[in-house]
């Protein structure tokens, strides 16, 4: 239900049909709206990726930040972590079926962003 602004009997503005906190958009943004989260999911779409390869794919993010986001995504069930008993040990990350459900709107976001006028940048 969409929120609307109305006037009460005394002419004051009141909000009707306001979202209960958190509304679905806010809840979704809290889950995947963290910095680098969408990029991580996007880079895992084609199959398992080693941690170091993933960190190279995501320019601008520190390994610490990527590691934190991966732990969050794993705790939420969007990503799985597999330790390979090789010498040296390597760690692979893979998107889960639940994580794959985000790829549709991430692709729509990519398309929308590519369609924006040149020069329009985040504030």
PDB file of N, CA and C in Angstrom:
ATOM      1  N   UNK A   1       0.847  -1.173   0.000  1.00  0.00           N
ATOM      2  CA  UNK A   1       0.000   0.000   0.000  1.00  0.00           C
ATOM      3  C   UNK A   1       0.890   1.233   0.000  1.00  0.00           C
ATOM      4  N   UNK A   2       0.624   2.191  -0.842  1.00  0.00           N
ATOM      5  CA  UNK A   2       1.421   3.402  -0.937  1.00  0.00           C
ATOM      6  C   UNK A   2       0.944   4.444   0.061  1.00  0.00           C
ATOM      7  N   UNK A   3       1.905   5.152   0.662  1.00  0.00           N
ATOM      8  CA  UNK A   3       1.585   6.216   1.596  1.00  0.00           C
ATOM      9  C   UNK A   3       1.076   7.427   0.824  1.00  0.00           C
ATOM     10  N   UNK A   4       0.128   8.130   1.420  1.00  0.00           N
ATOM     11  CA  UNK A   4      -0.403   9.349   0.817  1.00  0.00           C
ATOM     12  C   UNK A   4      -0.460  10.436   1.877  1.00  0.00           C
ATOM     13  N   UNK A   5      -0.347  11.672   1.436  1.00  0.00           N
ATOM     14  CA  UNK A   5      -0.447  12.816   2.344  1.00  0.00           C
ATOM     15  C   UNK A   5      -1.842  13.398   2.191  1.00  0.00           C
ATOM     16  N   UNK A   6      -2.522  13.548   3.335  1.00  0.00           N
ATOM     17  CA  UNK A   6      -3.880  14.093   3.332  1.00  0.00           C
ATOM     18  C   UNK A   6      -3.959  15.216   4.359  1.00  0.00           C
ATOM     19  N   UNK A   7      -5.071  15.887   4.380  1.00  0.00           N
ATOM     20  CA  UNK A   7      -5.300  16.927   5.377  1.00  0.00           C
ATOM     21  C   UNK A   7      -6.363  16.445   6.349  1.00  0.00           C
ATOM     22  N   UNK A   8      -6.144  16.744   7.642  1.00  0.00           N
ATOM     23  CA  UNK A   8      -7.153  16.387   8.634  1.00  0.00           C
ATOM     24  C   UNK A   8      -8.195  17.500   8.725  1.00  0.00           C
ATOM     25  N   UNK A   9      -9.133  17.405   9.654  1.00  0.00           N
ATOM     26  CA  UNK A   9     -10.229  18.370   9.783  1.00  0.00           C
ATOM     27  C   UNK A   9      -9.733  19.781  10.091  1.00  0.00           C
ATOM     28  N   UNK A  10      -8.547  19.910  10.683  1.00  0.00           N
ATOM     29  CA  UNK A  10      -8.008  21.231  11.012  1.00  0.00           C
ATOM     30  C   UNK A  10      -7.050  21.735   9.930  1.00  0.00           C
ATOM     31  N   UNK A  11      -6.952  21.020   8.811  1.00  0.00           N
ATOM     32  CA  UNK A  11      -6.106  21.462   7.712  1.00  0.00           C
ATOM     33  C   UNK A  11      -4.647  21.063   7.846  1.00  0.00           C
ATOM     34  N   UNK A  12      -4.334  20.241   8.836  1.00  0.00           N
ATOM     35  CA  UNK A  12      -2.950  19.794   9.017  1.00  0.00           C
ATOM     36  C   UNK A  12      -2.662  18.621   8.086  1.00  0.00           C
ATOM     37  N   UNK A  13      -1.431  18.560   7.618  1.00  0.00           N
ATOM     38  CA  UNK A  13      -1.029  17.458   6.739  1.00  0.00           C
ATOM     39  C   UNK A  13      -0.728  16.227   7.591  1.00  0.00           C
ATOM     40  N   UNK A  14      -1.313  15.115   7.189  1.00  0.00           N
ATOM     41  CA  UNK A  14      -1.062  13.842   7.866  1.00  0.00           C
ATOM     42  C   UNK A  14      -0.779  12.782   6.798  1.00  0.00           C
ATOM     43  N   UNK A  15       0.008  11.799   7.181  1.00  0.00           N
ATOM     44  CA  UNK A  15       0.351  10.711   6.265  1.00  0.00           C
ATOM     45  C   UNK A  15      -0.587   9.547   6.526  1.00  0.00           C
ATOM     46  N   UNK A  16      -1.227   9.079   5.466  1.00  0.00           N
ATOM     47  CA  UNK A  16      -2.106   7.916   5.559  1.00  0.00           C
ATOM     48  C   UNK A  16      -1.420   6.740   4.866  1.00  0.00           C
ATOM     49  N   UNK A  17      -1.685   5.558   5.336  1.00  0.00           N
ATOM     50  CA  UNK A  17      -1.134   4.334   4.750  1.00  0.00           C
ATOM     51  C   UNK A  17       0.391   4.304   4.770  1.00  0.00           C
ATOM     52  N   UNK A  18       1.001   4.821   5.839  1.00  0.00           N
ATOM     53  CA  UNK A  18       2.457   4.825   5.939  1.00  0.00           C
ATOM     54  C   UNK A  18       2.965   3.399   6.103  1.00  0.00           C
ATOM     55  N   UNK A  19       4.160   3.159   5.593  1.00  0.00           N
ATOM     56  CA  UNK A  19       4.781   1.837   5.715  1.00  0.00           C
ATOM     57  C   UNK A  19       5.089   1.548   7.181  1.00  0.00           C
ATOM     58  N   UNK A  20       4.903   0.302   7.541  1.00  0.00           N
ATOM     59  CA  UNK A  20       5.346  -0.141   8.857  1.00  0.00           C
ATOM     60  C   UNK A  20       6.840  -0.374   8.736  1.00  0.00           C
ATOM     61  N   UNK A  21       7.593   0.097   9.699  1.00  0.00           N
ATOM     62  CA  UNK A  21       9.054  -0.005   9.654  1.00  0.00           C
ATOM     63  C   UNK A  21       9.483  -1.433   9.849  1.00  0.00           C
ATOM     64  N   UNK A  22      10.386  -2.014   9.093  1.00  0.00           N
ATOM     65  CA  UNK A  22      10.828  -1.455   7.820  1.00  0.00           C
ATOM     66  C   UNK A  22       9.891  -1.864   6.696  1.00  0.00           C
ATOM     67  N   UNK A  23       9.684  -0.970   5.764  1.00  0.00           N
ATOM     68  CA  UNK A  23       8.845  -1.291   4.603  1.00  0.00           C
ATOM     69  C   UNK A  23       9.639  -2.256   3.706  1.00  0.00           C
ATOM     70  N   UNK A  24       8.991  -2.912   2.766  1.00  0.00           N
ATOM     71  CA  UNK A  24       9.694  -3.896   1.936  1.00  0.00           C
ATOM     72  C   UNK A  24      10.919  -3.336   1.210  1.00  0.00           C
ATOM     73  N   UNK A  25      10.847  -2.103   0.721  1.00  0.00           N
ATOM     74  CA  UNK A  25      12.001  -1.520   0.029  1.00  0.00           C
ATOM     75  C   UNK A  25      13.150  -1.336   1.017  1.00  0.00           C
ATOM     76  N   UNK A  26      12.854  -0.787   2.181  1.00  0.00           N
ATOM     77  CA  UNK A  26      13.889  -0.568   3.194  1.00  0.00           C
ATOM     78  C   UNK A  26      14.489  -1.899   3.645  1.00  0.00           C
ATOM     79  N   UNK A  27      13.658  -2.905   3.850  1.00  0.00           N
ATOM     80  CA  UNK A  27      14.152  -4.225   4.265  1.00  0.00           C
ATOM     81  C   UNK A  27      15.098  -4.795   3.209  1.00  0.00           C
ATOM     82  N   UNK A  28      14.693  -4.706   1.942  1.00  0.00           N
ATOM     83  CA  UNK A  28      15.548  -5.192   0.857  1.00  0.00           C
ATOM     84  C   UNK A  28      16.864  -4.439   0.791  1.00  0.00           C
ATOM     85  N   UNK A  29      16.802  -3.120   0.957  1.00  0.00           N
ATOM     86  CA  UNK A  29      18.034  -2.326   0.929  1.00  0.00           C
ATOM     87  C   UNK A  29      18.937  -2.661   2.108  1.00  0.00           C
ATOM     88  N   UNK A  30      18.369  -2.976   3.241  1.00  0.00           N
ATOM     89  CA  UNK A  30      19.177  -3.371   4.394  1.00  0.00           C
ATOM     90  C   UNK A  30      19.879  -4.702   4.147  1.00  0.00           C
ATOM     91  N   UNK A  31      19.249  -5.573   3.367  1.00  0.00           N
ATOM     92  CA  UNK A  31      19.845  -6.878   3.083  1.00  0.00           C
ATOM     93  C   UNK A  31      20.938  -6.765   2.027  1.00  0.00           C
ATOM     94  N   UNK A  32      20.664  -6.134   0.898  1.00  0.00           N
ATOM     95  CA  UNK A  32      21.671  -6.107  -0.169  1.00  0.00           C
ATOM     96  C   UNK A  32      22.165  -4.716  -0.537  1.00  0.00           C
ATOM     97  N   UNK A  33      21.747  -3.704   0.189  1.00  0.00           N
ATOM     98  CA  UNK A  33      22.125  -2.339  -0.161  1.00  0.00           C
ATOM     99  C   UNK A  33      23.458  -1.887   0.381  1.00  0.00           C
ATOM    100  N   UNK A  34      24.155  -2.741   1.133  1.00  0.00           N
ATOM    101  CA  UNK A  34      25.449  -2.344   1.665  1.00  0.00           C
ATOM    102  C   UNK A  34      26.470  -2.152   0.562  1.00  0.00           C
ATOM    103  N   UNK A  35      27.418  -1.299   0.815  1.00  0.00           N
ATOM    104  CA  UNK A  35      28.441  -1.023  -0.186  1.00  0.00           C
ATOM    105  C   UNK A  35      29.142  -2.309  -0.577  1.00  0.00           C
ATOM    106  N   UNK A  36      29.247  -2.561  -1.857  1.00  0.00           N
ATOM    107  CA  UNK A  36      29.897  -3.711  -2.493  1.00  0.00           C
ATOM    108  C   UNK A  36      29.056  -4.982  -2.495  1.00  0.00           C
ATOM    109  N   UNK A  37      27.952  -5.027  -1.772  1.00  0.00           N
ATOM    110  CA  UNK A  37      27.154  -6.254  -1.677  1.00  0.00           C
ATOM    111  C   UNK A  37      26.609  -6.673  -3.041  1.00  0.00           C
ATOM    112  N   UNK A  38      25.990  -5.761  -3.760  1.00  0.00           N
ATOM    113  CA  UNK A  38      25.463  -6.081  -5.076  1.00  0.00           C
ATOM    114  C   UNK A  38      26.558  -6.500  -6.042  1.00  0.00           C
ATOM    115  N   UNK A  39      27.704  -5.829  -5.967  1.00  0.00           N
ATOM    116  CA  UNK A  39      28.829  -6.175  -6.836  1.00  0.00           C
ATOM    117  C   UNK A  39      29.340  -7.577  -6.550  1.00  0.00           C
ATOM    118  N   UNK A  40      29.405  -7.933  -5.289  1.00  0.00           N
ATOM    119  CA  UNK A  40      29.863  -9.280  -4.922  1.00  0.00           C
ATOM    120  C   UNK A  40      28.914 -10.321  -5.496  1.00  0.00           C
ATOM    121  N   UNK A  41      27.617 -10.140  -5.279  1.00  0.00           N
ATOM    122  CA  UNK A  41      26.641 -11.099  -5.814  1.00  0.00           C
ATOM    123  C   UNK A  41      26.753 -11.181  -7.329  1.00  0.00           C
ATOM    124  N   UNK A  42      26.896 -10.033  -7.980  1.00  0.00           N
ATOM    125  CA  UNK A  42      26.978 -10.001  -9.439  1.00  0.00           C
ATOM    126  C   UNK A  42      28.197 -10.775  -9.948  1.00  0.00           C
ATOM    127  N   UNK A  43      29.329 -10.614  -9.287  1.00  0.00           N
ATOM    128  CA  UNK A  43      30.554 -11.291  -9.729  1.00  0.00           C
ATOM    129  C   UNK A  43      30.550 -12.788  -9.425  1.00  0.00           C
ATOM    130  N   UNK A  44      29.641 -13.233  -8.586  1.00  0.00           N
ATOM    131  CA  UNK A  44      29.540 -14.665  -8.283  1.00  0.00           C
ATOM    132  C   UNK A  44      28.521 -15.372  -9.174  1.00  0.00           C
ATOM    133  N   UNK A  45      27.857 -14.644 -10.066  1.00  0.00           N
ATOM    134  CA  UNK A  45      26.746 -15.204 -10.851  1.00  0.00           C
ATOM    135  C   UNK A  45      27.159 -16.330 -11.783  1.00  0.00           C
ATOM    136  N   UNK A  46      28.413 -16.343 -12.237  1.00  0.00           N
ATOM    137  CA  UNK A  46      28.837 -17.339 -13.226  1.00  0.00           C
ATOM    138  C   UNK A  46      29.480 -18.584 -12.611  1.00  0.00           C
ATOM    139  N   UNK A  47      29.547 -18.657 -11.301  1.00  0.00           N
ATOM    140  CA  UNK A  47      30.123 -19.837 -10.663  1.00  0.00           C
ATOM    141  C   UNK A  47      31.047 -19.454  -9.527  1.00  0.00           C
ATOM    142  N   UNK A  48      31.593 -20.461  -8.840  1.00  0.00           N
ATOM    143  CA  UNK A  48      32.455 -20.202  -7.684  1.00  0.00           C
ATOM    144  C   UNK A  48      33.668 -19.345  -8.062  1.00  0.00           C
ATOM    145  N   UNK A  49      34.052 -18.477  -7.136  1.00  0.00           N
ATOM    146  CA  UNK A  49      35.189 -17.585  -7.350  1.00  0.00           C
ATOM    147  C   UNK A  49      36.076 -17.618  -6.111  1.00  0.00           C
ATOM    148  N   UNK A  50      37.370 -17.705  -6.341  1.00  0.00           N
ATOM    149  CA  UNK A  50      38.318 -17.641  -5.222  1.00  0.00           C
ATOM    150  C   UNK A  50      38.332 -16.234  -4.644  1.00  0.00           C
ATOM    151  N   UNK A  51      38.610 -16.140  -3.342  1.00  0.00           N
ATOM    152  CA  UNK A  51      38.587 -14.851  -2.663  1.00  0.00           C
ATOM    153  C   UNK A  51      39.492 -13.828  -3.343  1.00  0.00           C
ATOM    154  N   UNK A  52      40.732 -14.201  -3.634  1.00  0.00           N
ATOM    155  CA  UNK A  52      41.662 -13.241  -4.235  1.00  0.00           C
ATOM    156  C   UNK A  52      41.198 -12.802  -5.616  1.00  0.00           C
ATOM    157  N   UNK A  53      40.623 -13.719  -6.384  1.00  0.00           N
ATOM    158  CA  UNK A  53      40.088 -13.344  -7.694  1.00  0.00           C
ATOM    159  C   UNK A  53      38.926 -12.369  -7.541  1.00  0.00           C
ATOM    160  N   UNK A  54      38.063 -12.636  -6.578  1.00  0.00           N
ATOM    161  CA  UNK A  54      36.927 -11.745  -6.325  1.00  0.00           C
ATOM    162  C   UNK A  54      37.408 -10.353  -5.930  1.00  0.00           C
ATOM    163  N   UNK A  55      38.415 -10.293  -5.076  1.00  0.00           N
ATOM    164  CA  UNK A  55      38.910  -8.983  -4.644  1.00  0.00           C
ATOM    165  C   UNK A  55      39.528  -8.222  -5.812  1.00  0.00           C
ATOM    166  N   UNK A  56      40.113  -8.924  -6.787  1.00  0.00           N
ATOM    167  CA  UNK A  56      40.646  -8.252  -7.978  1.00  0.00           C
ATOM    168  C   UNK A  56      39.514  -7.779  -8.895  1.00  0.00           C
ATOM    169  N   UNK A  57      38.406  -8.522  -8.932  1.00  0.00           N
ATOM    170  CA  UNK A  57      37.266  -8.141  -9.772  1.00  0.00           C
ATOM    171  C   UNK A  57      36.592  -6.871  -9.283  1.00  0.00           C
ATOM    172  N   UNK A  58      36.636  -6.655  -7.974  1.00  0.00           N
ATOM    173  CA  UNK A  58      35.938  -5.518  -7.372  1.00  0.00           C
ATOM    174  C   UNK A  58      36.962  -4.450  -7.029  1.00  0.00           C
ATOM    175  N   UNK A  59      37.299  -3.653  -8.012  1.00  0.00           N
ATOM    176  CA  UNK A  59      38.266  -2.583  -7.798  1.00  0.00           C
ATOM    177  C   UNK A  59      37.725  -1.552  -6.821  1.00  0.00           C
ATOM    178  N   UNK A  60      38.579  -1.059  -5.966  1.00  0.00           N
ATOM    179  CA  UNK A  60      38.178  -0.017  -5.038  1.00  0.00           C
ATOM    180  C   UNK A  60      37.751  -0.506  -3.672  1.00  0.00           C
ATOM    181  N   UNK A  61      37.501  -1.793  -3.535  1.00  0.00           N
ATOM    182  CA  UNK A  61      37.100  -2.344  -2.237  1.00  0.00           C
ATOM    183  C   UNK A  61      38.306  -3.022  -1.590  1.00  0.00           C
ATOM    184  N   UNK A  62      38.499  -2.759  -0.321  1.00  0.00           N
ATOM    185  CA  UNK A  62      39.600  -3.406   0.382  1.00  0.00           C
ATOM    186  C   UNK A  62      39.260  -4.875   0.644  1.00  0.00           C
ATOM    187  N   UNK A  63      40.284  -5.690   0.839  1.00  0.00           N
ATOM    188  CA  UNK A  63      40.057  -7.106   1.142  1.00  0.00           C
ATOM    189  C   UNK A  63      39.285  -7.256   2.447  1.00  0.00           C
ATOM    190  N   UNK A  64      39.539  -6.360   3.392  1.00  0.00           N
ATOM    191  CA  UNK A  64      38.816  -6.400   4.665  1.00  0.00           C
ATOM    192  C   UNK A  64      37.328  -6.161   4.442  1.00  0.00           C
ATOM    193  N   UNK A  65      36.989  -5.188   3.620  1.00  0.00           N
ATOM    194  CA  UNK A  65      35.586  -4.871   3.340  1.00  0.00           C
ATOM    195  C   UNK A  65      34.911  -6.033   2.622  1.00  0.00           C
ATOM    196  N   UNK A  66      35.586  -6.599   1.620  1.00  0.00           N
ATOM    197  CA  UNK A  66      35.017  -7.733   0.887  1.00  0.00           C
ATOM    198  C   UNK A  66      34.798  -8.903   1.833  1.00  0.00           C
ATOM    199  N   UNK A  67      35.761  -9.151   2.708  1.00  0.00           N
ATOM    200  CA  UNK A  67      35.644 -10.244   3.675  1.00  0.00           C
ATOM    201  C   UNK A  67      34.447 -10.028   4.604  1.00  0.00           C
ATOM    202  N   UNK A  68      34.255  -8.802   5.079  1.00  0.00           N
ATOM    203  CA  UNK A  68      33.112  -8.490   5.948  1.00  0.00           C
ATOM    204  C   UNK A  68      31.788  -8.720   5.216  1.00  0.00           C
ATOM    205  N   UNK A  69      31.710  -8.225   3.979  1.00  0.00           N
ATOM    206  CA  UNK A  69      30.476  -8.389   3.209  1.00  0.00           C
ATOM    207  C   UNK A  69      30.198  -9.864   2.919  1.00  0.00           C
ATOM    208  N   UNK A  70      31.238 -10.623   2.592  1.00  0.00           N
ATOM    209  CA  UNK A  70      31.059 -12.052   2.334  1.00  0.00           C
ATOM    210  C   UNK A  70      30.546 -12.778   3.578  1.00  0.00           C
ATOM    211  N   UNK A  71      31.067 -12.418   4.745  1.00  0.00           N
ATOM    212  CA  UNK A  71      30.581 -13.028   6.003  1.00  0.00           C
ATOM    213  C   UNK A  71      29.105 -12.706   6.215  1.00  0.00           C
ATOM    214  N   UNK A  72      28.707 -11.461   5.943  1.00  0.00           N
ATOM    215  CA  UNK A  72      27.304 -11.080   6.077  1.00  0.00           C
ATOM    216  C   UNK A  72      26.431 -11.850   5.096  1.00  0.00           C
ATOM    217  N   UNK A  73      26.865 -11.922   3.851  1.00  0.00           N
ATOM    218  CA  UNK A  73      26.098 -12.639   2.826  1.00  0.00           C
ATOM    219  C   UNK A  73      25.991 -14.125   3.156  1.00  0.00           C
ATOM    220  N   UNK A  74      27.050 -14.691   3.708  1.00  0.00           N
ATOM    221  CA  UNK A  74      27.014 -16.101   4.111  1.00  0.00           C
ATOM    222  C   UNK A  74      26.030 -16.300   5.265  1.00  0.00           C
ATOM    223  N   UNK A  75      26.050 -15.401   6.241  1.00  0.00           N
ATOM    224  CA  UNK A  75      25.132 -15.493   7.381  1.00  0.00           C
ATOM    225  C   UNK A  75      23.681 -15.348   6.935  1.00  0.00           C
ATOM    226  N   UNK A  76      23.435 -14.592   5.878  1.00  0.00           N
ATOM    227  CA  UNK A  76      22.081 -14.390   5.365  1.00  0.00           C
ATOM    228  C   UNK A  76      21.644 -15.511   4.416  1.00  0.00           C
ATOM    229  N   UNK A  77      22.557 -16.395   4.083  1.00  0.00           N
ATOM    230  CA  UNK A  77      22.233 -17.506   3.197  1.00  0.00           C
ATOM    231  C   UNK A  77      22.272 -17.154   1.720  1.00  0.00           C
ATOM    232  N   UNK A  78      22.918 -16.041   1.367  1.00  0.00           N
ATOM    233  CA  UNK A  78      22.994 -15.621  -0.027  1.00  0.00           C
ATOM    234  C   UNK A  78      24.249 -16.136  -0.728  1.00  0.00           C
ATOM    235  N   UNK A  79      25.241 -16.535   0.065  1.00  0.00           N
ATOM    236  CA  UNK A  79      26.532 -16.993  -0.451  1.00  0.00           C
ATOM    237  C   UNK A  79      27.000 -18.168   0.398  1.00  0.00           C
ATOM    238  N   UNK A  80      27.700 -19.119  -0.236  1.00  0.00           N
ATOM    239  CA  UNK A  80      28.338 -20.203   0.524  1.00  0.00           C
ATOM    240  C   UNK A  80      29.845 -20.061   0.406  1.00  0.00           C
ATOM    241  N   UNK A  81      30.534 -20.552   1.413  1.00  0.00           N
ATOM    242  CA  UNK A  81      32.001 -20.502   1.480  1.00  0.00           C
ATOM    243  C   UNK A  81      32.507 -21.921   1.532  1.00  0.00           C
ATOM    244  N   UNK A  82      33.496 -22.218   0.705  1.00  0.00           N
ATOM    245  CA  UNK A  82      34.083 -23.557   0.704  1.00  0.00           C
ATOM    246  C   UNK A  82      35.597 -23.427   0.781  1.00  0.00           C
ATOM    247  N   UNK A  83      36.185 -24.093   1.787  1.00  0.00           N
ATOM    248  CA  UNK A  83      37.630 -24.096   1.951  1.00  0.00           C
ATOM    249  C   UNK A  83      38.180 -25.302   1.208  1.00  0.00           C
ATOM    250  N   UNK A  84      39.092 -25.049   0.283  1.00  0.00           N
ATOM    251  CA  UNK A  84      39.712 -26.110  -0.502  1.00  0.00           C
ATOM    252  C   UNK A  84      41.016 -26.514   0.179  1.00  0.00           C
ATOM    253  N   UNK A  85      41.135 -27.782   0.484  1.00  0.00           N
ATOM    254  CA  UNK A  85      42.331 -28.293   1.174  1.00  0.00           C
ATOM    255  C   UNK A  85      43.450 -28.508   0.161  1.00  0.00           C
ATOM    256  N   UNK A  86      43.949 -27.405  -0.342  1.00  0.00           N
ATOM    257  CA  UNK A  86      45.060 -27.435  -1.282  1.00  0.00           C
ATOM    258  C   UNK A  86      46.250 -26.771  -0.614  1.00  0.00           C
ATOM    259  N   UNK A  87      47.397 -26.828  -1.263  1.00  0.00           N
ATOM    260  CA  UNK A  87      48.572 -26.134  -0.737  1.00  0.00           C
ATOM    261  C   UNK A  87      48.933 -25.037  -1.726  1.00  0.00           C
ATOM    262  N   UNK A  88      48.781 -23.792  -1.416  1.00  0.00           N
ATOM    263  CA  UNK A  88      48.184 -23.257  -0.186  1.00  0.00           C
ATOM    264  C   UNK A  88      46.662 -23.397  -0.198  1.00  0.00           C
ATOM    265  N   UNK A  89      46.091 -23.286   0.988  1.00  0.00           N
ATOM    266  CA  UNK A  89      44.635 -23.395   1.137  1.00  0.00           C
ATOM    267  C   UNK A  89      43.978 -22.271   0.339  1.00  0.00           C
ATOM    268  N   UNK A  90      42.896 -22.584  -0.359  1.00  0.00           N
ATOM    269  CA  UNK A  90      42.155 -21.537  -1.067  1.00  0.00           C
ATOM    270  C   UNK A  90      40.693 -21.590  -0.639  1.00  0.00           C
ATOM    271  N   UNK A  91      40.053 -20.457  -0.705  1.00  0.00           N
ATOM    272  CA  UNK A  91      38.660 -20.339  -0.303  1.00  0.00           C
ATOM    273  C   UNK A  91      37.858 -19.894  -1.521  1.00  0.00           C
ATOM    274  N   UNK A  92      36.778 -20.630  -1.801  1.00  0.00           N
ATOM    275  CA  UNK A  92      35.878 -20.296  -2.903  1.00  0.00           C
ATOM    276  C   UNK A  92      34.545 -19.817  -2.340  1.00  0.00           C
ATOM    277  N   UNK A  93      33.943 -18.861  -3.020  1.00  0.00           N
ATOM    278  CA  UNK A  93      32.611 -18.376  -2.664  1.00  0.00           C
ATOM    279  C   UNK A  93      31.691 -18.633  -3.839  1.00  0.00           C
ATOM    280  N   UNK A  94      30.444 -18.989  -3.522  1.00  0.00           N
ATOM    281  CA  UNK A  94      29.464 -19.268  -4.561  1.00  0.00           C
ATOM    282  C   UNK A  94      28.120 -18.696  -4.143  1.00  0.00           C
ATOM    283  N   UNK A  95      27.404 -18.157  -5.091  1.00  0.00           N
ATOM    284  CA  UNK A  95      26.074 -17.616  -4.820  1.00  0.00           C
ATOM    285  C   UNK A  95      25.093 -18.776  -4.633  1.00  0.00           C
ATOM    286  N   UNK A  96      24.173 -18.637  -3.698  1.00  0.00           N
ATOM    287  CA  UNK A  96      23.161 -19.669  -3.445  1.00  0.00           C
ATOM    288  C   UNK A  96      21.944 -19.423  -4.327  1.00  0.00           C
ATOM    289  N   UNK A  97      21.011 -20.368  -4.308  1.00  0.00           N
ATOM    290  CA  UNK A  97      19.767 -20.176  -5.051  1.00  0.00           C
ATOM    291  C   UNK A  97      19.031 -18.930  -4.553  1.00  0.00           C
ATOM    292  N   UNK A  98      19.051 -18.704  -3.239  1.00  0.00           N
ATOM    293  CA  UNK A  98      18.424 -17.502  -2.687  1.00  0.00           C
ATOM    294  C   UNK A  98      19.142 -16.254  -3.198  1.00  0.00           C
ATOM    295  N   UNK A  99      20.461 -16.275  -3.215  1.00  0.00           N
ATOM    296  CA  UNK A  99      21.229 -15.145  -3.731  1.00  0.00           C
ATOM    297  C   UNK A  99      20.943 -14.882  -5.199  1.00  0.00           C
ATOM    298  N   UNK A 100      20.720 -15.947  -5.955  1.00  0.00           N
ATOM    299  CA  UNK A 100      20.423 -15.804  -7.390  1.00  0.00           C
ATOM    300  C   UNK A 100      19.123 -15.043  -7.626  1.00  0.00           C
ATOM    301  N   UNK A 101      18.213 -15.080  -6.660  1.00  0.00           N
ATOM    302  CA  UNK A 101      16.953 -14.353  -6.840  1.00  0.00           C
ATOM    303  C   UNK A 101      17.179 -12.845  -6.915  1.00  0.00           C
ATOM    304  N   UNK A 102      18.317 -12.358  -6.444  1.00  0.00           N
ATOM    305  CA  UNK A 102      18.632 -10.924  -6.508  1.00  0.00           C
ATOM    306  C   UNK A 102      19.200 -10.517  -7.860  1.00  0.00           C
ATOM    307  N   UNK A 103      19.645 -11.475  -8.663  1.00  0.00           N
ATOM    308  CA  UNK A 103      20.326 -11.134  -9.911  1.00  0.00           C
ATOM    309  C   UNK A 103      19.417 -10.440 -10.918  1.00  0.00           C
ATOM    310  N   UNK A 104      18.135 -10.763 -10.921  1.00  0.00           N
ATOM    311  CA  UNK A 104      17.212 -10.126 -11.857  1.00  0.00           C
ATOM    312  C   UNK A 104      17.142  -8.628 -11.657  1.00  0.00           C
ATOM    313  N   UNK A 105      16.940  -8.191 -10.424  1.00  0.00           N
ATOM    314  CA  UNK A 105      16.837  -6.745 -10.235  1.00  0.00           C
ATOM    315  C   UNK A 105      18.203  -6.078 -10.231  1.00  0.00           C
ATOM    316  N   UNK A 106      19.267  -6.814  -9.941  1.00  0.00           N
ATOM    317  CA  UNK A 106      20.601  -6.230 -10.085  1.00  0.00           C
ATOM    318  C   UNK A 106      20.891  -5.973 -11.567  1.00  0.00           C
ATOM    319  N   UNK A 107      20.455  -6.886 -12.435  1.00  0.00           N
ATOM    320  CA  UNK A 107      20.625  -6.673 -13.865  1.00  0.00           C
ATOM    321  C   UNK A 107      19.772  -5.492 -14.330  1.00  0.00           C
ATOM    322  N   UNK A 108      18.554  -5.374 -13.805  1.00  0.00           N
ATOM    323  CA  UNK A 108      17.709  -4.218 -14.137  1.00  0.00           C
ATOM    324  C   UNK A 108      18.362  -2.925 -13.667  1.00  0.00           C
ATOM    325  N   UNK A 109      18.982  -2.941 -12.500  1.00  0.00           N
ATOM    326  CA  UNK A 109      19.689  -1.766 -11.990  1.00  0.00           C
ATOM    327  C   UNK A 109      20.863  -1.424 -12.907  1.00  0.00           C
ATOM    328  N   UNK A 110      21.589  -2.444 -13.360  1.00  0.00           N
ATOM    329  CA  UNK A 110      22.698  -2.221 -14.290  1.00  0.00           C
ATOM    330  C   UNK A 110      22.194  -1.555 -15.565  1.00  0.00           C
ATOM    331  N   UNK A 111      21.103  -2.085 -16.139  1.00  0.00           N
ATOM    332  CA  UNK A 111      20.544  -1.519 -17.367  1.00  0.00           C
ATOM    333  C   UNK A 111      20.080  -0.080 -17.158  1.00  0.00           C
ATOM    334  N   UNK A 112      19.415   0.169 -16.035  1.00  0.00           N
ATOM    335  CA  UNK A 112      18.933   1.513 -15.732  1.00  0.00           C
ATOM    336  C   UNK A 112      20.118   2.480 -15.612  1.00  0.00           C
ATOM    337  N   UNK A 113      21.162   2.040 -14.902  1.00  0.00           N
ATOM    338  CA  UNK A 113      22.335   2.893 -14.712  1.00  0.00           C
ATOM    339  C   UNK A 113      23.007   3.204 -16.041  1.00  0.00           C
ATOM    340  N   UNK A 114      23.103   2.210 -16.914  1.00  0.00           N
ATOM    341  CA  UNK A 114      23.716   2.429 -18.222  1.00  0.00           C
ATOM    342  C   UNK A 114      22.890   3.376 -19.092  1.00  0.00           C
ATOM    343  N   UNK A 115      21.586   3.502 -18.807  1.00  0.00           N
ATOM    344  CA  UNK A 115      20.731   4.382 -19.600  1.00  0.00           C
ATOM    345  C   UNK A 115      20.719   5.826 -19.096  1.00  0.00           C
ATOM    346  N   UNK A 116      21.328   6.094 -17.960  1.00  0.00           N
ATOM    347  CA  UNK A 116      21.313   7.439 -17.390  1.00  0.00           C
ATOM    348  C   UNK A 116      22.132   8.408 -18.242  1.00  0.00           C
ATOM    349  N   UNK A 117      21.768   9.677 -18.198  1.00  0.00           N
ATOM    350  CA  UNK A 117      22.551  10.681 -18.949  1.00  0.00           C
ATOM    351  C   UNK A 117      23.989  10.751 -18.452  1.00  0.00           C
ATOM    352  N   UNK A 118      24.897  11.011 -19.360  1.00  0.00           N
ATOM    353  CA  UNK A 118      26.302  11.165 -18.993  1.00  0.00           C
ATOM    354  C   UNK A 118      26.442  12.295 -17.973  1.00  0.00           C
ATOM    355  N   UNK A 119      27.296  12.113 -17.033  1.00  0.00           N
ATOM    356  CA  UNK A 119      27.545  13.147 -16.035  1.00  0.00           C
ATOM    357  C   UNK A 119      26.681  13.052 -14.787  1.00  0.00           C
ATOM    358  N   UNK A 120      25.637  12.236 -14.817  1.00  0.00           N
ATOM    359  CA  UNK A 120      24.795  12.084 -13.635  1.00  0.00           C
ATOM    360  C   UNK A 120      25.497  11.125 -12.688  1.00  0.00           C
ATOM    361  N   UNK A 121      25.949  11.629 -11.566  1.00  0.00           N
ATOM    362  CA  UNK A 121      26.719  10.841 -10.601  1.00  0.00           C
ATOM    363  C   UNK A 121      26.069  10.917  -9.236  1.00  0.00           C
ATOM    364  N   UNK A 122      26.368   9.930  -8.376  1.00  0.00           N
ATOM    365  CA  UNK A 122      25.810   9.958  -7.008  1.00  0.00           C
ATOM    366  C   UNK A 122      26.269  11.203  -6.258  1.00  0.00           C
ATOM    367  N   UNK A 123      25.428  11.636  -5.349  1.00  0.00           N
ATOM    368  CA  UNK A 123      25.742  12.822  -4.541  1.00  0.00           C
ATOM    369  C   UNK A 123      26.789  12.501  -3.503  1.00  0.00           C
TER     370      UNK A 123
END
